[in-house]
Amino acid sequence: DYSIDFYGNITEKKYKVDEFWKSEVVTYKGVLKPDEVPEIISKYDVLILPSYREGYPGVIIEAFSVGVPVIATNLQGIAEIVKDKESGILVPLKDPLKLADSMISINNSNYDKFSENAKKSFLNFDAKLQTKRIIKLMRNEFK
């Protein structure tokens, strides 16, 4: 009962071959424009980011903004955003079995909690809320 859609730029030749994407459950959807990302993510149950290296993964914050939990590789930039077992699940690098187990572990019994925590996690990154918080802290500091 799963389908997986891939988005983004493909740089490795082995993944550019049409034969690689011939599947009933796996589809390559192409590259999104930045303003399309939150709307597209909101149509999915989970964002999966099995990255080998990652700088600042803004797509995770965009997923949180629409209440979509995340399964991602436990890398430094990602682990600072995804709190394991709260708003998503962190998996070891290059561990497809743990990735598959994590995908199966988010289900009807726990999805609502993951989604709720994803929305809560977004508040840590909402610029308007954080600016208000900083201004309030500064006002209290200078009283």
N, C-alpha and C. Protein backbone atom coordinates (compact mmCIF):
# COMPACT_ATOMS: atom_id res chain seq x y z
N ASP A 1 0.82 -1.20 0.00
CA ASP A 1 0.00 0.00 0.00
C ASP A 1 0.85 1.26 0.00
N TYR A 2 2.05 1.17 -0.51
CA TYR A 2 2.95 2.31 -0.53
C TYR A 2 3.20 2.75 -1.96
N SER A 3 3.41 4.03 -2.12
CA SER A 3 3.94 4.55 -3.37
C SER A 3 4.98 5.59 -2.98
N ILE A 4 6.02 5.67 -3.77
CA ILE A 4 7.12 6.58 -3.48
C ILE A 4 7.37 7.45 -4.69
N ASP A 5 7.32 8.76 -4.47
CA ASP A 5 7.62 9.72 -5.53
C ASP A 5 8.92 10.43 -5.19
N PHE A 6 9.80 10.49 -6.18
CA PHE A 6 11.09 11.17 -6.02
C PHE A 6 11.01 12.53 -6.69
N TYR A 7 11.59 13.52 -6.02
CA TYR A 7 11.69 14.87 -6.57
C TYR A 7 13.14 15.32 -6.48
N GLY A 8 13.51 16.25 -7.33
CA GLY A 8 14.84 16.84 -7.25
C GLY A 8 15.67 16.59 -8.48
N ASN A 9 16.82 17.20 -8.49
CA ASN A 9 17.74 17.10 -9.61
C ASN A 9 18.52 15.79 -9.52
N ILE A 10 18.57 15.05 -10.59
CA ILE A 10 19.33 13.81 -10.64
C ILE A 10 20.67 14.11 -11.30
N THR A 11 21.74 13.81 -10.59
CA THR A 11 23.06 14.08 -11.13
C THR A 11 23.80 12.81 -11.55
N GLU A 12 23.46 11.67 -10.97
CA GLU A 12 24.14 10.42 -11.32
C GLU A 12 23.50 9.78 -12.54
N LYS A 13 24.33 9.43 -13.53
CA LYS A 13 23.82 8.88 -14.79
C LYS A 13 22.98 7.63 -14.60
N LYS A 14 23.36 6.76 -13.66
CA LYS A 14 22.63 5.50 -13.50
C LYS A 14 21.17 5.72 -13.12
N TYR A 15 20.86 6.87 -12.53
CA TYR A 15 19.47 7.16 -12.15
C TYR A 15 18.72 7.96 -13.21
N LYS A 16 19.40 8.38 -14.24
CA LYS A 16 18.76 9.14 -15.32
C LYS A 16 18.13 8.24 -16.37
N VAL A 17 18.45 6.97 -16.35
CA VAL A 17 17.96 6.02 -17.34
C VAL A 17 16.48 5.74 -17.08
N ASP A 18 15.67 5.84 -18.13
CA ASP A 18 14.22 5.62 -17.99
C ASP A 18 13.89 4.25 -17.41
N GLU A 19 14.71 3.27 -17.71
CA GLU A 19 14.47 1.91 -17.20
C GLU A 19 14.49 1.86 -15.68
N PHE A 20 15.28 2.72 -15.06
CA PHE A 20 15.39 2.74 -13.60
C PHE A 20 14.05 3.09 -12.95
N TRP A 21 13.25 3.88 -13.62
CA TRP A 21 12.00 4.40 -13.04
C TRP A 21 10.76 3.64 -13.47
N LYS A 22 10.93 2.50 -14.13
CA LYS A 22 9.77 1.71 -14.56
C LYS A 22 9.27 0.87 -13.39
N SER A 23 8.28 1.39 -12.69
CA SER A 23 7.73 0.72 -11.53
C SER A 23 6.31 1.25 -11.30
N GLU A 24 5.48 0.41 -10.71
CA GLU A 24 4.13 0.86 -10.40
C GLU A 24 4.07 1.65 -9.10
N VAL A 25 5.09 1.51 -8.26
CA VAL A 25 5.06 2.18 -6.96
C VAL A 25 6.13 3.27 -6.80
N VAL A 26 7.09 3.33 -7.70
CA VAL A 26 8.16 4.33 -7.62
C VAL A 26 8.13 5.20 -8.87
N THR A 27 8.08 6.51 -8.66
CA THR A 27 7.97 7.45 -9.77
C THR A 27 8.91 8.62 -9.56
N TYR A 28 9.56 9.06 -10.62
CA TYR A 28 10.35 10.29 -10.58
C TYR A 28 9.48 11.43 -11.08
N LYS A 29 9.33 12.48 -10.26
CA LYS A 29 8.43 13.58 -10.57
C LYS A 29 9.14 14.84 -11.05
N GLY A 30 10.47 14.87 -11.01
CA GLY A 30 11.20 16.03 -11.51
C GLY A 30 11.58 17.03 -10.43
N VAL A 31 11.93 18.21 -10.89
CA VAL A 31 12.40 19.28 -10.00
C VAL A 31 11.25 20.24 -9.75
N LEU A 32 11.09 20.64 -8.50
CA LEU A 32 10.04 21.59 -8.13
C LEU A 32 10.59 23.00 -8.06
N LYS A 33 9.74 23.97 -8.35
CA LYS A 33 10.07 25.36 -8.09
C LYS A 33 9.94 25.59 -6.59
N PRO A 34 10.76 26.45 -6.01
CA PRO A 34 10.71 26.65 -4.55
C PRO A 34 9.32 26.96 -4.00
N ASP A 35 8.54 27.75 -4.72
CA ASP A 35 7.21 28.11 -4.21
C ASP A 35 6.21 26.96 -4.31
N GLU A 36 6.56 25.88 -4.99
CA GLU A 36 5.68 24.71 -5.12
C GLU A 36 5.87 23.70 -3.98
N VAL A 37 6.99 23.78 -3.31
CA VAL A 37 7.39 22.73 -2.37
C VAL A 37 6.36 22.49 -1.26
N PRO A 38 5.95 23.49 -0.47
CA PRO A 38 5.01 23.19 0.62
C PRO A 38 3.68 22.59 0.13
N GLU A 39 3.15 23.09 -0.96
CA GLU A 39 1.89 22.57 -1.48
C GLU A 39 2.03 21.10 -1.90
N ILE A 40 3.12 20.78 -2.57
CA ILE A 40 3.34 19.40 -3.02
C ILE A 40 3.56 18.49 -1.81
N ILE A 41 4.39 18.92 -0.87
CA ILE A 41 4.66 18.09 0.32
C ILE A 41 3.37 17.80 1.08
N SER A 42 2.48 18.78 1.14
CA SER A 42 1.25 18.60 1.91
C SER A 42 0.36 17.49 1.36
N LYS A 43 0.63 17.04 0.15
CA LYS A 43 -0.16 15.97 -0.46
C LYS A 43 0.35 14.58 -0.07
N TYR A 44 1.44 14.54 0.68
CA TYR A 44 2.06 13.28 1.06
C TYR A 44 1.91 13.03 2.56
N ASP A 45 2.11 11.77 2.95
CA ASP A 45 2.05 11.39 4.36
C ASP A 45 3.37 11.63 5.07
N VAL A 46 4.48 11.37 4.38
CA VAL A 46 5.80 11.43 5.00
C VAL A 46 6.80 11.96 3.97
N LEU A 47 7.75 12.77 4.45
CA LEU A 47 8.89 13.18 3.62
C LEU A 47 10.04 12.25 3.98
N ILE A 48 10.65 11.64 2.98
CA ILE A 48 11.78 10.75 3.20
C ILE A 48 13.01 11.39 2.57
N LEU A 49 14.04 11.58 3.39
CA LEU A 49 15.27 12.23 2.94
C LEU A 49 16.47 11.37 3.33
N PRO A 50 16.75 10.31 2.56
CA PRO A 50 17.88 9.44 2.87
C PRO A 50 19.17 9.97 2.26
N SER A 51 19.59 11.10 2.75
CA SER A 51 20.73 11.81 2.17
C SER A 51 22.06 11.23 2.67
N TYR A 52 23.09 11.34 1.83
CA TYR A 52 24.44 10.95 2.23
C TYR A 52 25.20 12.14 2.78
N ARG A 53 24.79 13.33 2.39
CA ARG A 53 25.39 14.57 2.91
C ARG A 53 24.34 15.66 2.75
N GLU A 54 24.33 16.54 3.70
CA GLU A 54 23.29 17.56 3.69
C GLU A 54 23.80 18.79 4.42
N GLY A 55 23.57 19.94 3.85
CA GLY A 55 23.91 21.19 4.52
C GLY A 55 22.79 21.55 5.47
N TYR A 56 22.01 22.51 5.10
CA TYR A 56 20.86 22.91 5.89
C TYR A 56 19.61 22.46 5.13
N PRO A 57 18.96 21.41 5.58
CA PRO A 57 17.85 20.81 4.84
C PRO A 57 16.54 21.56 5.03
N GLY A 58 16.36 22.65 4.31
CA GLY A 58 15.16 23.47 4.41
C GLY A 58 13.89 22.71 4.06
N VAL A 59 13.99 21.67 3.24
CA VAL A 59 12.81 20.91 2.85
C VAL A 59 12.16 20.25 4.07
N ILE A 60 12.96 19.94 5.09
CA ILE A 60 12.40 19.35 6.31
C ILE A 60 11.52 20.37 7.02
N ILE A 61 11.99 21.59 7.10
CA ILE A 61 11.21 22.65 7.74
C ILE A 61 9.93 22.91 6.95
N GLU A 62 10.03 22.84 5.64
CA GLU A 62 8.83 23.01 4.81
C GLU A 62 7.84 21.87 5.06
N ALA A 63 8.33 20.66 5.26
CA ALA A 63 7.44 19.54 5.59
C ALA A 63 6.77 19.77 6.94
N PHE A 64 7.55 20.19 7.92
CA PHE A 64 6.99 20.47 9.24
C PHE A 64 5.91 21.54 9.16
N SER A 65 6.11 22.53 8.30
CA SER A 65 5.15 23.64 8.21
C SER A 65 3.76 23.18 7.80
N VAL A 66 3.68 22.04 7.12
CA VAL A 66 2.38 21.51 6.70
C VAL A 66 2.04 20.22 7.45
N GLY A 67 2.75 19.95 8.56
CA GLY A 67 2.43 18.81 9.41
C GLY A 67 2.82 17.46 8.86
N VAL A 68 3.82 17.43 8.00
CA VAL A 68 4.28 16.17 7.42
C VAL A 68 5.54 15.70 8.17
N PRO A 69 5.46 14.53 8.82
CA PRO A 69 6.64 14.01 9.52
C PRO A 69 7.74 13.61 8.53
N VAL A 70 8.93 13.39 9.07
CA VAL A 70 10.11 13.17 8.23
C VAL A 70 10.84 11.90 8.67
N ILE A 71 11.29 11.16 7.69
CA ILE A 71 12.25 10.07 7.91
C ILE A 71 13.50 10.50 7.17
N ALA A 72 14.61 10.62 7.89
CA ALA A 72 15.82 11.15 7.26
C ALA A 72 17.06 10.50 7.86
N THR A 73 18.14 10.63 7.12
CA THR A 73 19.43 10.14 7.57
C THR A 73 19.92 10.96 8.75
N ASN A 74 20.51 10.27 9.72
CA ASN A 74 21.01 10.92 10.92
C ASN A 74 22.36 11.61 10.62
N LEU A 75 22.26 12.75 9.97
CA LEU A 75 23.42 13.58 9.67
C LEU A 75 23.32 14.85 10.50
N GLN A 76 24.44 15.53 10.68
CA GLN A 76 24.50 16.68 11.57
C GLN A 76 23.41 17.72 11.32
N GLY A 77 23.29 18.25 10.12
CA GLY A 77 22.29 19.28 9.84
C GLY A 77 20.87 18.79 10.01
N ILE A 78 20.63 17.54 9.64
CA ILE A 78 19.30 16.95 9.76
C ILE A 78 18.95 16.70 11.22
N ALA A 79 19.87 16.13 11.97
CA ALA A 79 19.61 15.78 13.37
C ALA A 79 19.34 17.02 14.24
N GLU A 80 19.80 18.17 13.81
CA GLU A 80 19.51 19.40 14.55
C GLU A 80 18.06 19.83 14.38
N ILE A 81 17.41 19.34 13.34
CA ILE A 81 16.04 19.73 13.03
C ILE A 81 15.04 18.64 13.41
N VAL A 82 15.35 17.40 13.05
CA VAL A 82 14.44 16.28 13.34
C VAL A 82 14.81 15.69 14.69
N LYS A 83 13.89 15.77 15.61
CA LYS A 83 14.11 15.16 16.92
C LYS A 83 13.58 13.74 16.85
N ASP A 84 14.48 12.79 16.96
CA ASP A 84 14.14 11.38 16.77
C ASP A 84 12.90 10.98 17.56
N LYS A 85 11.97 10.35 16.85
CA LYS A 85 10.73 9.80 17.39
C LYS A 85 9.74 10.86 17.86
N GLU A 86 9.95 12.11 17.53
CA GLU A 86 8.97 13.15 17.87
C GLU A 86 8.29 13.65 16.61
N SER A 87 9.04 14.28 15.75
CA SER A 87 8.49 14.82 14.51
C SER A 87 8.88 13.98 13.30
N GLY A 88 9.64 12.95 13.57
CA GLY A 88 10.10 12.07 12.52
C GLY A 88 11.04 11.03 13.07
N ILE A 89 11.73 10.36 12.17
CA ILE A 89 12.64 9.29 12.55
C ILE A 89 13.97 9.50 11.85
N LEU A 90 15.04 9.35 12.60
CA LEU A 90 16.39 9.42 12.03
C LEU A 90 16.91 8.00 11.85
N VAL A 91 17.51 7.75 10.69
CA VAL A 91 18.06 6.43 10.40
C VAL A 91 19.56 6.55 10.12
N PRO A 92 20.31 5.49 10.38
CA PRO A 92 21.74 5.52 10.10
C PRO A 92 22.02 5.69 8.60
N LEU A 93 23.15 6.26 8.32
CA LEU A 93 23.62 6.46 6.94
C LEU A 93 23.76 5.11 6.24
N LYS A 94 23.28 5.03 5.00
CA LYS A 94 23.42 3.85 4.15
C LYS A 94 22.88 2.57 4.80
N ASP A 95 21.73 2.67 5.44
CA ASP A 95 21.12 1.50 6.07
C ASP A 95 19.70 1.31 5.53
N PRO A 96 19.57 0.68 4.36
CA PRO A 96 18.25 0.55 3.74
C PRO A 96 17.25 -0.25 4.57
N LEU A 97 17.72 -1.18 5.38
CA LEU A 97 16.79 -1.96 6.21
C LEU A 97 16.16 -1.09 7.30
N LYS A 98 16.97 -0.26 7.94
CA LYS A 98 16.43 0.67 8.95
C LYS A 98 15.50 1.69 8.29
N LEU A 99 15.85 2.12 7.10
CA LEU A 99 14.99 3.05 6.36
C LEU A 99 13.64 2.40 6.10
N ALA A 100 13.64 1.17 5.62
CA ALA A 100 12.39 0.46 5.34
C ALA A 100 11.59 0.24 6.63
N ASP A 101 12.27 -0.16 7.70
CA ASP A 101 11.59 -0.35 8.99
C ASP A 101 10.94 0.94 9.46
N SER A 102 11.63 2.05 9.27
CA SER A 102 11.10 3.35 9.68
C SER A 102 9.87 3.72 8.87
N MET A 103 9.92 3.42 7.59
CA MET A 103 8.77 3.71 6.73
C MET A 103 7.54 2.91 7.19
N ILE A 104 7.76 1.67 7.56
CA ILE A 104 6.66 0.83 8.02
C ILE A 104 6.18 1.26 9.40
N SER A 105 7.08 1.78 10.22
CA SER A 105 6.73 2.11 11.61
C SER A 105 5.79 3.31 11.74
N ILE A 106 5.77 4.20 10.76
CA ILE A 106 4.80 5.29 10.81
C ILE A 106 3.52 4.76 10.18
N ASN A 107 2.48 4.66 11.01
CA ASN A 107 1.25 4.03 10.56
C ASN A 107 0.03 4.75 11.14
N ASN A 108 -1.13 4.18 10.93
CA ASN A 108 -2.38 4.82 11.38
C ASN A 108 -2.42 5.05 12.89
N SER A 109 -1.76 4.20 13.66
CA SER A 109 -1.84 4.33 15.11
C SER A 109 -0.99 5.48 15.67
N ASN A 110 0.05 5.89 14.94
CA ASN A 110 0.92 6.95 15.47
C ASN A 110 1.07 8.15 14.55
N TYR A 111 0.44 8.10 13.39
CA TYR A 111 0.63 9.18 12.42
C TYR A 111 0.20 10.55 12.96
N ASP A 112 -0.95 10.62 13.60
CA ASP A 112 -1.45 11.91 14.08
C ASP A 112 -0.47 12.56 15.06
N LYS A 113 0.16 11.76 15.91
CA LYS A 113 1.12 12.29 16.88
C LYS A 113 2.37 12.81 16.15
N PHE A 114 2.86 12.06 15.18
CA PHE A 114 4.00 12.52 14.39
C PHE A 114 3.67 13.83 13.68
N SER A 115 2.48 13.90 13.08
CA SER A 115 2.07 15.10 12.35
C SER A 115 1.95 16.30 13.29
N GLU A 116 1.34 16.09 14.45
CA GLU A 116 1.20 17.15 15.45
C GLU A 116 2.58 17.66 15.90
N ASN A 117 3.49 16.74 16.14
CA ASN A 117 4.84 17.12 16.56
C ASN A 117 5.61 17.82 15.44
N ALA A 118 5.34 17.44 14.20
CA ALA A 118 5.97 18.13 13.07
C ALA A 118 5.54 19.59 13.05
N LYS A 119 4.24 19.83 13.23
CA LYS A 119 3.74 21.21 13.27
C LYS A 119 4.34 21.98 14.43
N LYS A 120 4.46 21.34 15.58
CA LYS A 120 5.07 22.00 16.75
C LYS A 120 6.54 22.30 16.48
N SER A 121 7.22 21.37 15.83
CA SER A 121 8.64 21.58 15.52
C SER A 121 8.84 22.76 14.58
N PHE A 122 7.88 22.97 13.69
CA PHE A 122 7.98 24.10 12.76
C PHE A 122 8.04 25.43 13.50
N LEU A 123 7.38 25.52 14.63
CA LEU A 123 7.38 26.78 15.39
C LEU A 123 8.79 27.22 15.76
N ASN A 124 9.71 26.27 15.89
CA ASN A 124 11.11 26.61 16.19
C ASN A 124 11.79 27.33 15.02
N PHE A 125 11.18 27.26 13.84
CA PHE A 125 11.81 27.80 12.64
C PHE A 125 10.97 28.89 11.97
N ASP A 126 9.80 29.16 12.51
CA ASP A 126 8.92 30.18 11.95
C ASP A 126 9.54 31.55 12.23
N ALA A 127 9.93 32.26 11.19
CA ALA A 127 10.64 33.54 11.34
C ALA A 127 9.82 34.56 12.11
N LYS A 128 8.53 34.67 11.86
CA LYS A 128 7.70 35.64 12.56
C LYS A 128 7.64 35.35 14.05
N LEU A 129 7.43 34.09 14.40
CA LEU A 129 7.35 33.73 15.81
C LEU A 129 8.69 33.92 16.51
N GLN A 130 9.76 33.53 15.86
CA GLN A 130 11.07 33.67 16.47
C GLN A 130 11.49 35.13 16.61
N THR A 131 11.12 35.97 15.65
CA THR A 131 11.41 37.40 15.75
C THR A 131 10.67 38.00 16.93
N LYS A 132 9.41 37.66 17.09
CA LYS A 132 8.64 38.15 18.25
C LYS A 132 9.27 37.69 19.55
N ARG A 133 9.70 36.44 19.59
CA ARG A 133 10.33 35.89 20.79
C ARG A 133 11.62 36.64 21.13
N ILE A 134 12.41 36.92 20.12
CA ILE A 134 13.68 37.63 20.34
C ILE A 134 13.42 39.06 20.81
N ILE A 135 12.45 39.72 20.19
CA ILE A 135 12.11 41.09 20.61
C ILE A 135 11.64 41.10 22.05
N LYS A 136 10.82 40.13 22.42
CA LYS A 136 10.34 40.05 23.80
C LYS A 136 11.51 39.83 24.76
N LEU A 137 12.43 38.96 24.40
CA LEU A 137 13.61 38.73 25.23
C LEU A 137 14.46 39.98 25.37
N MET A 138 14.62 40.70 24.28
CA MET A 138 15.40 41.93 24.30
C MET A 138 14.73 43.00 25.16
N ARG A 139 13.42 43.11 25.04
CA ARG A 139 12.69 44.09 25.87
C ARG A 139 12.85 43.77 27.33
N ASN A 140 12.76 42.50 27.69
CA ASN A 140 12.92 42.11 29.08
C ASN A 140 14.35 42.35 29.56
N GLU A 141 15.29 42.18 28.69
CA GLU A 141 16.71 42.37 29.04
C GLU A 141 17.02 43.84 29.31
N PHE A 142 16.38 44.73 28.59
CA PHE A 142 16.69 46.16 28.71
C PHE A 142 15.73 46.92 29.62
N LYS A 143 14.93 46.24 30.39
CA LYS A 143 14.01 46.91 31.32
C LYS A 143 14.75 47.37 32.55
